Structures are given as structure tokens and as C-alpha cells.
Protein backbone atom coordinates (compact mmCIF):
# COMPACT_ATOMS: atom_id res chain seq x y z
CA MET A 1 62.94 39.86 15.37
CA SER A 2 59.17 39.40 15.68
CA GLN A 3 58.93 39.66 11.89
CA SER A 4 61.44 36.84 11.44
CA ILE A 5 59.50 34.63 13.87
CA PHE A 6 56.30 35.26 11.90
CA SER A 7 58.07 34.44 8.65
CA GLN A 8 59.42 31.23 10.13
CA ALA A 9 55.94 30.25 11.36
CA MET A 10 54.50 30.72 7.89
CA GLU A 11 57.27 28.67 6.27
CA ASN A 12 57.19 25.86 8.85
CA PRO A 13 53.91 25.94 10.83
CA GLN A 14 54.57 22.54 12.39
CA SER A 15 57.66 23.79 14.29
CA THR A 16 55.82 26.64 16.01
CA GLY A 17 52.34 25.13 16.39
CA PHE A 18 50.88 27.82 14.16
CA ASP A 19 48.56 26.63 11.40
CA PRO A 20 47.12 29.39 9.20
CA ALA A 21 44.60 26.99 7.64
CA ALA A 22 43.08 26.30 11.04
CA ASN A 23 42.25 29.97 11.50
CA THR A 24 40.72 30.61 8.13
CA GLU A 25 37.00 31.05 7.77
CA PHE A 26 36.90 29.53 4.28
CA ASN A 27 36.89 25.81 5.30
CA TYR A 28 33.13 25.50 4.74
CA ARG A 29 32.09 23.06 2.02
CA PRO A 30 28.66 23.64 0.45
CA VAL A 31 26.12 20.83 0.75
CA PRO A 32 24.05 20.05 -2.37
CA VAL A 33 20.31 20.06 -1.89
CA LEU A 34 20.07 16.38 -2.87
CA ALA A 35 21.90 15.37 0.33
CA PRO A 36 19.24 16.52 2.85
CA VAL A 37 16.53 15.44 0.41
CA SER A 38 18.03 11.93 0.46
CA LEU A 39 17.89 11.84 4.24
CA PHE A 40 14.33 13.17 4.28
CA LEU A 41 13.17 10.51 1.81
CA GLY A 42 14.89 7.88 3.93
CA LEU A 43 12.90 8.95 6.97
CA LEU A 44 9.70 9.20 4.92
CA SER A 45 10.15 5.69 3.49
CA ALA A 46 9.16 4.25 6.89
CA LEU A 47 5.57 5.12 5.96
CA GLY A 48 5.66 2.11 3.66
CA PHE A 49 4.88 -0.08 6.66
CA LEU A 50 1.57 1.78 7.13
CA GLY A 51 0.26 1.68 3.57
CA ILE A 52 1.20 -0.06 0.37
CA LEU A 53 0.56 3.06 -1.73
CA VAL A 54 3.51 4.86 -0.13
CA VAL A 55 5.98 1.97 -0.45
CA PRO A 56 7.47 3.50 -3.67
CA ILE A 57 8.78 6.42 -1.60
CA GLY A 58 11.58 4.10 -0.48
CA LEU A 59 12.49 3.31 -4.09
CA VAL A 60 12.55 7.02 -4.95
CA GLY A 61 14.79 7.59 -1.93
CA VAL A 62 17.24 4.92 -3.11
CA VAL A 63 17.48 6.50 -6.58
CA VAL A 64 17.90 10.05 -5.28
CA SER A 65 20.53 8.97 -2.73
CA LEU A 66 22.56 7.10 -5.36
CA ILE A 67 22.50 10.10 -7.69
CA CYS A 68 23.68 12.34 -4.85
CA ILE A 69 26.49 9.95 -3.87
CA VAL A 70 27.73 9.67 -7.46
CA ARG A 71 27.81 13.46 -7.83
CA LEU A 72 29.64 13.94 -4.54
CA ARG A 73 32.28 11.39 -5.51
CA LYS A 74 32.68 13.11 -8.88
CA PHE A 75 33.57 16.44 -7.26
CA ARG A 76 36.10 14.76 -4.92
CA GLY A 77 35.52 16.55 -1.66
CA GLU A 78 34.51 19.95 -2.98
CA TYR A 79 31.03 19.42 -1.53
CA GLY A 80 29.89 18.05 1.84
CA GLY A 81 26.86 16.01 2.82
CA MET A 82 28.10 12.51 1.98
CA TRP A 83 26.92 11.16 5.33
CA LEU A 84 23.44 12.55 4.67
CA ALA A 85 23.24 10.79 1.31
CA VAL A 86 24.60 7.49 2.65
CA SER A 87 22.23 7.54 5.64
CA GLY A 88 19.28 8.27 3.35
CA LEU A 89 20.33 5.45 1.03
CA LEU A 90 20.50 2.90 3.85
CA MET A 91 17.17 3.90 5.38
CA SER A 92 15.37 3.99 2.02
CA PHE A 93 16.75 0.61 0.95
CA VAL A 94 15.93 -1.14 4.23
CA CYS A 95 12.41 0.33 4.51
CA PHE A 96 11.57 -0.27 0.85
CA THR A 97 12.69 -3.89 0.71
CA THR A 98 11.23 -4.78 4.11
CA SER A 99 7.84 -3.09 3.68
CA ALA A 100 7.41 -4.36 0.11
CA GLY A 101 8.27 -7.87 1.28
CA LEU A 102 5.73 -7.71 4.10
CA TRP A 103 2.94 -6.54 1.78
CA ALA A 104 3.81 -9.24 -0.76
CA TYR A 105 3.80 -11.88 1.96
CA GLY A 106 0.39 -10.68 3.16
CA TYR A 107 -1.03 -10.92 -0.36
CA ARG A 108 0.31 -14.46 -0.87
CA THR A 109 -0.96 -15.77 2.45
CA GLU A 110 -4.34 -14.01 2.84
CA VAL A 111 -6.30 -16.55 0.77
CA PRO A 112 -7.27 -19.62 2.88
CA GLU A 113 -6.26 -23.00 1.56
CA GLY A 114 -8.78 -24.43 -0.88
CA PHE A 115 -10.23 -21.04 -1.85
CA HIS A 116 -10.07 -19.43 -5.29
CA ARG A 117 -9.28 -15.70 -5.46
CA ILE A 118 -11.63 -13.72 -7.70
CA ASN A 119 -11.82 -10.03 -8.49
CA PHE A 120 -15.14 -8.25 -8.00
CA GLN A 121 -14.61 -5.93 -10.96
CA SER A 122 -13.20 -8.22 -13.63
CA ASP A 123 -14.70 -11.58 -12.63
CA LEU A 124 -18.25 -10.45 -11.78
CA SER A 125 -19.23 -6.84 -12.56
CA ASN A 126 -17.67 -6.61 -16.00
CA LYS A 127 -19.17 -9.93 -17.08
CA GLY A 128 -22.74 -8.65 -16.86
CA PHE A 129 -25.62 -10.91 -17.80
CA VAL A 130 -26.69 -12.89 -20.82
CA ASN A 131 -29.91 -11.76 -22.51
CA ALA A 132 -31.87 -15.01 -22.24
CA LYS A 133 -35.52 -15.90 -21.72
CA LYS A 134 -34.88 -18.45 -18.98
CA SER A 135 -33.87 -16.96 -15.64
CA SER A 136 -31.42 -19.82 -15.08
CA GLU A 137 -29.51 -18.78 -18.21
CA ILE A 138 -29.02 -15.09 -17.45
CA PHE A 139 -25.62 -15.61 -15.87
CA HIS A 140 -22.44 -15.25 -17.87
CA PRO A 141 -20.80 -18.65 -18.46
CA ASP A 142 -17.62 -17.58 -16.65
CA VAL A 143 -19.65 -16.53 -13.61
CA LYS A 144 -21.85 -19.60 -13.74
CA ALA A 145 -18.70 -21.72 -13.62
CA LEU A 146 -18.00 -20.31 -10.15
CA ASP A 147 -21.29 -21.63 -8.78
CA GLY A 148 -20.60 -23.96 -5.87
CA GLN A 149 -16.90 -23.09 -5.65
CA LYS A 150 -15.04 -21.73 -2.63
CA VAL A 151 -14.10 -18.17 -3.51
CA PHE A 152 -12.14 -15.37 -1.86
CA ILE A 153 -13.26 -11.86 -2.82
CA LYS A 154 -12.87 -8.29 -1.58
CA GLY A 155 -15.43 -5.51 -1.39
CA TYR A 156 -17.22 -3.10 0.95
CA MET A 157 -20.10 -3.63 3.36
CA TYR A 158 -23.28 -1.91 2.25
CA PRO A 159 -24.60 0.24 5.15
CA THR A 160 -27.71 -0.80 7.03
CA LYS A 161 -29.20 0.12 10.40
CA GLN A 162 -27.44 -2.77 12.16
CA MET A 163 -23.90 -2.01 13.28
CA GLN A 164 -22.81 -5.00 15.37
CA GLY A 165 -23.27 -8.75 15.37
CA ILE A 166 -24.14 -8.83 11.67
CA THR A 167 -24.68 -12.32 10.26
CA SER A 168 -25.89 -11.31 6.79
CA PHE A 169 -24.83 -8.31 4.72
CA LEU A 170 -24.37 -7.03 1.21
CA LEU A 171 -20.85 -6.92 -0.17
CA VAL A 172 -20.59 -4.25 -2.89
CA LYS A 173 -17.96 -3.57 -5.52
CA ASP A 174 -16.82 -0.16 -4.29
CA ASN A 175 -17.50 2.37 -1.60
CA ALA A 176 -18.98 4.94 -3.98
CA GLN A 177 -22.38 3.26 -3.73
CA CYS A 178 -22.98 4.63 -0.22
CA CYS A 179 -21.32 8.00 -0.80
CA PHE A 180 -23.67 9.14 -3.57
CA GLY A 181 -26.87 7.64 -2.25
CA GLY A 182 -27.50 5.25 -5.17
CA ASN A 183 -28.32 1.56 -4.93
CA PRO A 184 -25.77 -0.85 -6.36
CA ALA A 185 -26.51 -2.67 -9.60
CA MET A 186 -27.31 -6.39 -9.43
CA GLN A 187 -23.89 -7.39 -10.75
CA ASP A 188 -22.20 -5.10 -8.22
CA MET A 189 -23.45 -6.76 -5.03
CA ILE A 190 -23.27 -10.12 -3.28
CA LEU A 191 -25.41 -11.27 -0.37
CA VAL A 192 -23.10 -12.80 2.25
CA ASN A 193 -24.69 -15.20 4.74
CA LEU A 194 -22.19 -16.10 7.44
CA ASP A 195 -22.04 -19.59 8.90
CA PRO A 196 -23.88 -20.20 12.19
CA GLY A 197 -21.96 -18.76 15.12
CA LYS A 198 -20.07 -16.23 12.98
CA SER A 199 -20.77 -12.50 12.84
CA VAL A 200 -19.06 -9.25 11.91
CA ASP A 201 -19.41 -5.59 12.87
CA PHE A 202 -20.13 -2.93 10.26
CA ARG A 203 -16.99 -1.20 9.00
CA GLN A 204 -17.62 1.99 7.05
CA GLY A 205 -15.27 2.47 4.10
CA ILE A 206 -13.03 -0.46 5.05
CA LEU A 207 -12.14 -2.98 2.36
CA MET A 208 -13.34 -6.40 3.46
CA SER A 209 -12.18 -9.92 2.62
CA VAL A 210 -14.91 -12.53 2.32
CA GLY A 211 -14.48 -16.24 1.79
CA GLY A 212 -17.12 -18.90 1.26
CA VAL A 213 -19.14 -20.92 -1.23
CA PHE A 214 -20.36 -18.85 -4.17
CA HIS A 215 -23.86 -19.29 -5.65
CA CYS A 216 -25.70 -17.82 -8.61
CA GLN A 217 -29.26 -17.49 -7.35
CA PRO A 218 -31.57 -14.46 -7.17
CA THR A 219 -32.65 -13.72 -3.61
CA ARG A 220 -33.90 -10.89 -1.43
CA GLY A 221 -31.32 -8.91 0.51
CA PRO A 222 -31.39 -6.08 3.04
CA ALA A 223 -32.84 -2.66 2.19
CA GLY A 224 -35.20 -4.27 -0.33
CA LEU A 225 -32.37 -5.02 -2.77
CA MET A 226 -32.39 -8.13 -4.95
CA PRO A 227 -28.88 -9.55 -5.32
CA VAL A 228 -28.36 -12.43 -7.75
CA TYR A 229 -25.09 -13.62 -6.21
CA THR A 230 -24.73 -15.10 -2.73
CA ILE A 231 -21.88 -16.46 -0.63
CA ASP A 232 -22.23 -18.88 2.26
CA GLY A 233 -19.36 -17.30 4.14
CA ASN A 234 -17.04 -18.63 6.80
CA LEU A 235 -14.62 -15.69 6.56
CA ALA A 236 -15.33 -11.96 6.85
CA GLU A 237 -12.56 -9.63 8.00
CA SER A 238 -10.73 -6.44 7.12
CA ALA A 239 -8.59 -6.98 4.04
CA ARG A 240 -4.86 -7.32 4.62
CA THR A 241 -4.04 -5.71 1.27
CA ILE A 242 -5.90 -3.44 -1.13
CA PHE A 243 -5.52 -5.77 -4.12
């Protein structure tokens, strides 16, 4: 009799409340490695708010998550981890689009109205000087055209003994000048003289934004250096972006 009851339970598990599938240990579905990787990249994409160089992590997370989702749908339930891939996709997409938008907005709005953005490397350093007999003709025509214009430029503060309340400082092309002990070349430095009442504290290794009226005129700067470019500055602050 017990055998017939067991047979009936196997043929019609709903009538007896017995479900063999519920007691099997083979219900586990393997999770592809891309699923947890997608979630990890989604969490990591939040770093894009801290630095623009890591913003692409969010884009990588979106691509990896989409690949994982497509593969999981292709196998139609044979593999688990769909929620991991979907969660990673959402986090990567939101963090990437939001952080990239914030950095782009900062770049568009960091230049004060009426100022012309110039690049230290391409607009000054790479231009060099013209080999002329008259000192007034040594400047490259493109650089000379900037004389008297309001410019917005980024660079690094050259170190001096003064650390706070600085009203005049050298802005150099890159931070390598102080790291290797060499003096910057003439075309790689600008003497910044801040307007009366304005000052800035020394910031080691921090990219600075400077805005003011640009001049081509040789002068004497700190540490015995002789810069040939000067800026009458009314803006000196940490740069909002690295570009």
C-alpha cells in the first residue's frame, strides 16, 4: 500500500503536496563572471565624481553590463545573475552620464565673461621666440597678438619661501619644474601680479586657473628669474578641470 501511495505522489505531486523538484539539490544556476563584474564596475563608476580621469569607468561598466545581459537572455534562464548585470548597468549609466555632465558644465562655465581661454603649451611655450635684433620683436606674432587681452590660463605655482598671502607669483607650464630642481625656460613661465587687495596661498602640485590682462614685457620675477610674460591678474584659484 505504501508503494502505491508513493507511485501516486510521483504521478500527481499536486494531490499529495509532494514535489520532488523542491527536494532536489540540482536547482542551482551558475552565474557568469561578467555579472558580478558588471555590479563591481557600477559601484566603481561613482569615482567619476571625484576625478575626470576615471569617468570612463562608467562607460566601460555600461558596455560590460549590456554584453552580460545579452548573453544571459540568449541562454534563456540556464544562467543566473541577471539582477547583478541590470543593477550594474543602471549604476554605471547614471554615474557616467551625471559625472561627465558635471565635468563638462564646469569646463564651459569656468572662464569668466570677457576672458579668452589660452593653453600654456600650445599658445605660449610651443610658439617660442623670433630671432630678431630688436627686443620688442622677439615675441611670436601669435603671442604678441595677445598683448593687452584678458586671458584665462592654467598652470602651476612656482615654489618660493612665501606660503600665504601671496600677491605676486610665477605661473609655470607644468609641475615638473619644481620636481627636478631646474628653472623654467622663459617661454614656460608667466609673472602674475594680482590686483590690489587680492592674494592667494601657495598650493604645491595643484593646477591653478589664472585670469587677467596679458602682457609681453621682460621683467624680473621671484628667485632671480626673468619672465617675459606677465598677467595683471584678478583671478587665481584652483582649477575646476584639468583641461
